[in-house]
Amino acid sequence: MTSESNLSTPVADPSRGPSSCRSCGQDIQMVPTEASAGARFMPLEPASEDGNIVILNGRAHVFPTASLAADRFPGEPRYLSHFARCPQAGKWRRS
């Protein structure tokens, strides 16, 4: 849907901490969320076919399903929240 390649590039924020999970060591990227107007950050795993998150204008947009994200933004990389796979997700998740 978008033709600008920089729209889907996650913006890593070094002030948000390390680029790997402190619990399991997986590489992650902390990306501001659209829902919080950029005030909160979400840990994302590398691009994934089963991801339901699309990065637009440097912010994470979360869709209910991966197929909906793919339909709405074909060709854009999709990401998965690290909370979906980290064995220690409950330790870090905020409500």
N, C-alpha and C. Protein backbone atom coordinates (compact mmCIF):
# COMPACT_ATOMS: atom_id res chain seq x y z
N MET A 1 0.81 -1.18 0.00
CA MET A 1 0.00 0.00 0.00
C MET A 1 0.86 1.26 0.00
N THR A 2 2.00 1.22 0.71
CA THR A 2 2.91 2.35 0.68
C THR A 2 4.08 2.03 -0.20
N SER A 3 4.64 3.05 -0.82
CA SER A 3 5.78 2.81 -1.69
C SER A 3 7.07 3.33 -1.07
N GLU A 4 6.98 4.02 0.06
CA GLU A 4 8.18 4.55 0.69
C GLU A 4 8.81 3.46 1.54
N SER A 5 10.04 3.11 1.23
CA SER A 5 10.68 2.00 1.92
C SER A 5 11.01 2.33 3.37
N ASN A 6 11.18 3.60 3.72
CA ASN A 6 11.56 3.92 5.09
C ASN A 6 10.38 3.83 6.06
N LEU A 7 9.16 3.67 5.59
CA LEU A 7 8.01 3.61 6.48
C LEU A 7 8.02 2.35 7.33
N SER A 8 8.60 1.26 6.85
CA SER A 8 8.55 0.01 7.58
C SER A 8 9.83 -0.29 8.36
N THR A 9 10.75 0.65 8.40
CA THR A 9 11.99 0.42 9.12
C THR A 9 11.82 0.74 10.59
N PRO A 10 12.01 -0.25 11.49
CA PRO A 10 11.89 0.04 12.90
C PRO A 10 12.91 1.08 13.33
N VAL A 11 12.52 1.91 14.25
CA VAL A 11 13.41 2.94 14.78
C VAL A 11 13.91 2.45 16.12
N ALA A 12 15.15 2.02 16.18
CA ALA A 12 15.72 1.57 17.44
C ALA A 12 16.04 2.78 18.30
N ASP A 13 15.70 2.71 19.56
CA ASP A 13 15.95 3.81 20.48
C ASP A 13 16.95 3.33 21.53
N PRO A 14 18.22 3.72 21.42
CA PRO A 14 19.23 3.24 22.35
C PRO A 14 18.92 3.59 23.80
N SER A 15 18.16 4.63 24.04
CA SER A 15 17.85 5.01 25.42
C SER A 15 16.86 4.05 26.05
N ARG A 16 16.24 3.17 25.25
CA ARG A 16 15.27 2.22 25.77
C ARG A 16 15.91 0.93 26.27
N GLY A 17 17.20 0.82 26.23
CA GLY A 17 17.85 -0.37 26.77
C GLY A 17 18.55 -1.19 25.70
N PRO A 18 18.94 -2.42 26.08
CA PRO A 18 19.72 -3.27 25.18
C PRO A 18 18.91 -3.74 23.97
N SER A 19 19.62 -4.23 22.97
CA SER A 19 18.96 -4.72 21.77
C SER A 19 18.75 -6.23 21.82
N SER A 20 18.86 -6.78 23.02
CA SER A 20 18.54 -8.19 23.21
C SER A 20 17.75 -8.33 24.50
N CYS A 21 16.89 -9.33 24.54
CA CYS A 21 16.06 -9.56 25.71
C CYS A 21 16.94 -9.91 26.90
N ARG A 22 16.68 -9.27 28.02
CA ARG A 22 17.48 -9.53 29.22
C ARG A 22 17.12 -10.85 29.88
N SER A 23 16.04 -11.48 29.44
CA SER A 23 15.66 -12.78 30.01
C SER A 23 16.17 -13.95 29.19
N CYS A 24 15.92 -13.91 27.87
CA CYS A 24 16.25 -15.07 27.04
C CYS A 24 17.39 -14.81 26.05
N GLY A 25 17.80 -13.56 25.86
CA GLY A 25 18.91 -13.24 24.97
C GLY A 25 18.54 -13.04 23.51
N GLN A 26 17.28 -13.24 23.14
CA GLN A 26 16.83 -13.07 21.74
C GLN A 26 17.06 -11.62 21.30
N ASP A 27 17.48 -11.44 20.05
CA ASP A 27 17.59 -10.09 19.49
C ASP A 27 16.20 -9.48 19.38
N ILE A 28 16.07 -8.25 19.86
CA ILE A 28 14.80 -7.53 19.79
C ILE A 28 15.07 -6.08 19.40
N GLN A 29 14.00 -5.40 18.98
CA GLN A 29 14.05 -3.98 18.70
C GLN A 29 12.92 -3.33 19.47
N MET A 30 13.21 -2.28 20.22
CA MET A 30 12.18 -1.55 20.96
C MET A 30 11.63 -0.48 20.03
N VAL A 31 10.33 -0.57 19.74
CA VAL A 31 9.69 0.33 18.78
C VAL A 31 8.50 1.00 19.45
N PRO A 32 8.35 2.32 19.27
CA PRO A 32 7.19 3.00 19.87
C PRO A 32 5.89 2.50 19.24
N THR A 33 4.83 2.47 20.05
CA THR A 33 3.55 1.99 19.55
C THR A 33 2.68 3.14 19.07
N GLU A 34 1.90 2.87 18.04
CA GLU A 34 0.96 3.86 17.53
C GLU A 34 -0.13 4.12 18.56
N ALA A 35 -0.61 3.09 19.23
CA ALA A 35 -1.70 3.23 20.19
C ALA A 35 -1.37 4.19 21.33
N SER A 36 -0.10 4.30 21.68
CA SER A 36 0.29 5.19 22.77
C SER A 36 0.83 6.52 22.26
N ALA A 37 0.66 6.78 20.98
CA ALA A 37 1.18 8.00 20.34
C ALA A 37 2.70 8.11 20.54
N GLY A 38 3.36 6.95 20.60
CA GLY A 38 4.82 6.92 20.71
C GLY A 38 5.35 7.00 22.12
N ALA A 39 4.48 7.03 23.13
CA ALA A 39 4.92 7.16 24.51
C ALA A 39 5.38 5.84 25.13
N ARG A 40 4.90 4.72 24.59
CA ARG A 40 5.30 3.40 25.10
C ARG A 40 5.97 2.62 23.99
N PHE A 41 6.85 1.73 24.40
CA PHE A 41 7.62 0.94 23.44
C PHE A 41 7.28 -0.53 23.58
N MET A 42 7.38 -1.24 22.45
CA MET A 42 7.08 -2.67 22.38
C MET A 42 8.31 -3.41 21.88
N PRO A 43 8.68 -4.53 22.52
CA PRO A 43 9.80 -5.33 22.01
C PRO A 43 9.35 -6.17 20.83
N LEU A 44 10.03 -6.02 19.70
CA LEU A 44 9.67 -6.78 18.50
C LEU A 44 10.80 -7.72 18.12
N GLU A 45 10.42 -8.88 17.63
CA GLU A 45 11.38 -9.84 17.07
C GLU A 45 11.62 -9.46 15.62
N PRO A 46 12.66 -10.03 15.00
CA PRO A 46 12.94 -9.74 13.58
C PRO A 46 11.73 -10.06 12.70
N ALA A 47 11.72 -9.52 11.50
CA ALA A 47 10.61 -9.71 10.56
C ALA A 47 10.21 -11.17 10.47
N SER A 48 8.89 -11.41 10.41
CA SER A 48 8.37 -12.77 10.44
C SER A 48 7.11 -12.86 9.59
N GLU A 49 6.95 -13.96 8.88
CA GLU A 49 5.76 -14.17 8.07
C GLU A 49 4.51 -14.28 8.93
N ASP A 50 4.66 -14.72 10.19
CA ASP A 50 3.49 -14.87 11.05
C ASP A 50 3.26 -13.64 11.93
N GLY A 51 3.97 -12.56 11.64
CA GLY A 51 3.83 -11.35 12.44
C GLY A 51 2.55 -10.59 12.15
N ASN A 52 1.99 -10.00 13.19
CA ASN A 52 0.75 -9.21 13.05
C ASN A 52 0.99 -7.72 13.30
N ILE A 53 2.25 -7.30 13.25
CA ILE A 53 2.62 -5.92 13.51
C ILE A 53 3.33 -5.35 12.28
N VAL A 54 2.91 -4.16 11.88
CA VAL A 54 3.52 -3.46 10.75
C VAL A 54 4.06 -2.14 11.28
N ILE A 55 5.25 -1.75 10.85
CA ILE A 55 5.84 -0.48 11.25
C ILE A 55 5.52 0.55 10.18
N LEU A 56 4.84 1.60 10.58
CA LEU A 56 4.52 2.70 9.68
C LEU A 56 4.93 4.00 10.33
N ASN A 57 5.71 4.79 9.61
CA ASN A 57 6.21 6.06 10.14
C ASN A 57 6.89 5.90 11.49
N GLY A 58 7.62 4.78 11.64
CA GLY A 58 8.42 4.56 12.84
C GLY A 58 7.66 4.06 14.05
N ARG A 59 6.36 3.74 13.89
CA ARG A 59 5.56 3.26 15.02
C ARG A 59 4.93 1.91 14.70
N ALA A 60 4.80 1.09 15.74
CA ALA A 60 4.22 -0.24 15.60
C ALA A 60 2.70 -0.16 15.56
N HIS A 61 2.12 -0.71 14.49
CA HIS A 61 0.67 -0.82 14.35
C HIS A 61 0.32 -2.29 14.51
N VAL A 62 -0.47 -2.61 15.52
CA VAL A 62 -0.81 -4.00 15.83
C VAL A 62 -2.16 -4.35 15.21
N PHE A 63 -2.19 -5.47 14.49
CA PHE A 63 -3.40 -5.97 13.87
C PHE A 63 -3.83 -7.25 14.58
N PRO A 64 -5.14 -7.57 14.57
CA PRO A 64 -5.61 -8.77 15.26
C PRO A 64 -4.99 -10.07 14.73
N THR A 65 -4.70 -10.11 13.43
CA THR A 65 -4.12 -11.32 12.84
C THR A 65 -3.04 -10.95 11.84
N ALA A 66 -2.16 -11.90 11.57
CA ALA A 66 -1.10 -11.70 10.58
C ALA A 66 -1.69 -11.54 9.19
N SER A 67 -2.75 -12.29 8.89
CA SER A 67 -3.34 -12.20 7.55
C SER A 67 -3.97 -10.83 7.32
N LEU A 68 -4.55 -10.23 8.34
CA LEU A 68 -5.12 -8.89 8.18
C LEU A 68 -4.01 -7.87 7.95
N ALA A 69 -2.91 -7.99 8.66
CA ALA A 69 -1.77 -7.09 8.45
C ALA A 69 -1.24 -7.23 7.03
N ALA A 70 -1.15 -8.46 6.54
CA ALA A 70 -0.65 -8.71 5.18
C ALA A 70 -1.61 -8.17 4.13
N ASP A 71 -2.91 -8.30 4.38
CA ASP A 71 -3.90 -7.80 3.44
C ASP A 71 -3.91 -6.28 3.38
N ARG A 72 -3.78 -5.64 4.52
CA ARG A 72 -3.83 -4.18 4.58
C ARG A 72 -2.57 -3.53 4.04
N PHE A 73 -1.42 -4.19 4.26
CA PHE A 73 -0.14 -3.63 3.83
C PHE A 73 0.70 -4.69 3.13
N PRO A 74 0.29 -5.11 1.93
CA PRO A 74 1.03 -6.14 1.20
C PRO A 74 2.44 -5.67 0.87
N GLY A 75 3.39 -6.55 1.04
CA GLY A 75 4.77 -6.23 0.71
C GLY A 75 5.55 -5.59 1.85
N GLU A 76 4.85 -5.12 2.88
CA GLU A 76 5.55 -4.52 4.02
C GLU A 76 6.02 -5.62 4.96
N PRO A 77 7.20 -5.49 5.55
CA PRO A 77 7.64 -6.49 6.53
C PRO A 77 6.69 -6.51 7.73
N ARG A 78 6.48 -7.70 8.26
CA ARG A 78 5.65 -7.84 9.45
C ARG A 78 6.50 -8.35 10.59
N TYR A 79 6.13 -7.96 11.78
CA TYR A 79 6.90 -8.30 12.97
C TYR A 79 5.99 -8.97 13.99
N LEU A 80 6.62 -9.62 14.96
CA LEU A 80 5.90 -10.30 16.03
C LEU A 80 6.39 -9.73 17.36
N SER A 81 5.47 -9.49 18.26
CA SER A 81 5.87 -9.03 19.59
C SER A 81 6.73 -10.10 20.25
N HIS A 82 7.78 -9.69 20.90
CA HIS A 82 8.63 -10.65 21.59
C HIS A 82 7.87 -11.33 22.72
N PHE A 83 6.83 -10.68 23.25
CA PHE A 83 6.02 -11.29 24.31
C PHE A 83 5.38 -12.60 23.85
N ALA A 84 5.17 -12.77 22.56
CA ALA A 84 4.53 -13.97 22.04
C ALA A 84 5.41 -15.21 22.18
N ARG A 85 6.73 -15.05 22.25
CA ARG A 85 7.62 -16.21 22.28
C ARG A 85 8.56 -16.28 23.48
N CYS A 86 8.77 -15.18 24.17
CA CYS A 86 9.72 -15.17 25.29
C CYS A 86 9.19 -16.00 26.46
N PRO A 87 9.99 -16.93 26.97
CA PRO A 87 9.53 -17.74 28.09
C PRO A 87 9.33 -16.91 29.37
N GLN A 88 9.92 -15.75 29.44
CA GLN A 88 9.79 -14.87 30.62
C GLN A 88 8.94 -13.64 30.34
N ALA A 89 8.06 -13.70 29.37
CA ALA A 89 7.27 -12.53 28.96
C ALA A 89 6.51 -11.89 30.11
N GLY A 90 5.91 -12.71 30.98
CA GLY A 90 5.13 -12.17 32.09
C GLY A 90 5.92 -11.27 33.02
N LYS A 91 7.20 -11.49 33.08
CA LYS A 91 8.07 -10.68 33.95
C LYS A 91 8.16 -9.24 33.45
N TRP A 92 8.05 -9.03 32.15
CA TRP A 92 8.26 -7.71 31.56
C TRP A 92 6.99 -7.02 31.09
N ARG A 93 5.93 -7.76 30.89
CA ARG A 93 4.71 -7.20 30.31
C ARG A 93 4.05 -6.20 31.27
N ARG A 94 3.61 -5.10 30.70
CA ARG A 94 2.85 -4.11 31.46
C ARG A 94 1.39 -4.26 31.10
N SER A 95 0.53 -3.86 32.01
CA SER A 95 -0.90 -3.95 31.69
C SER A 95 -1.42 -2.68 31.06
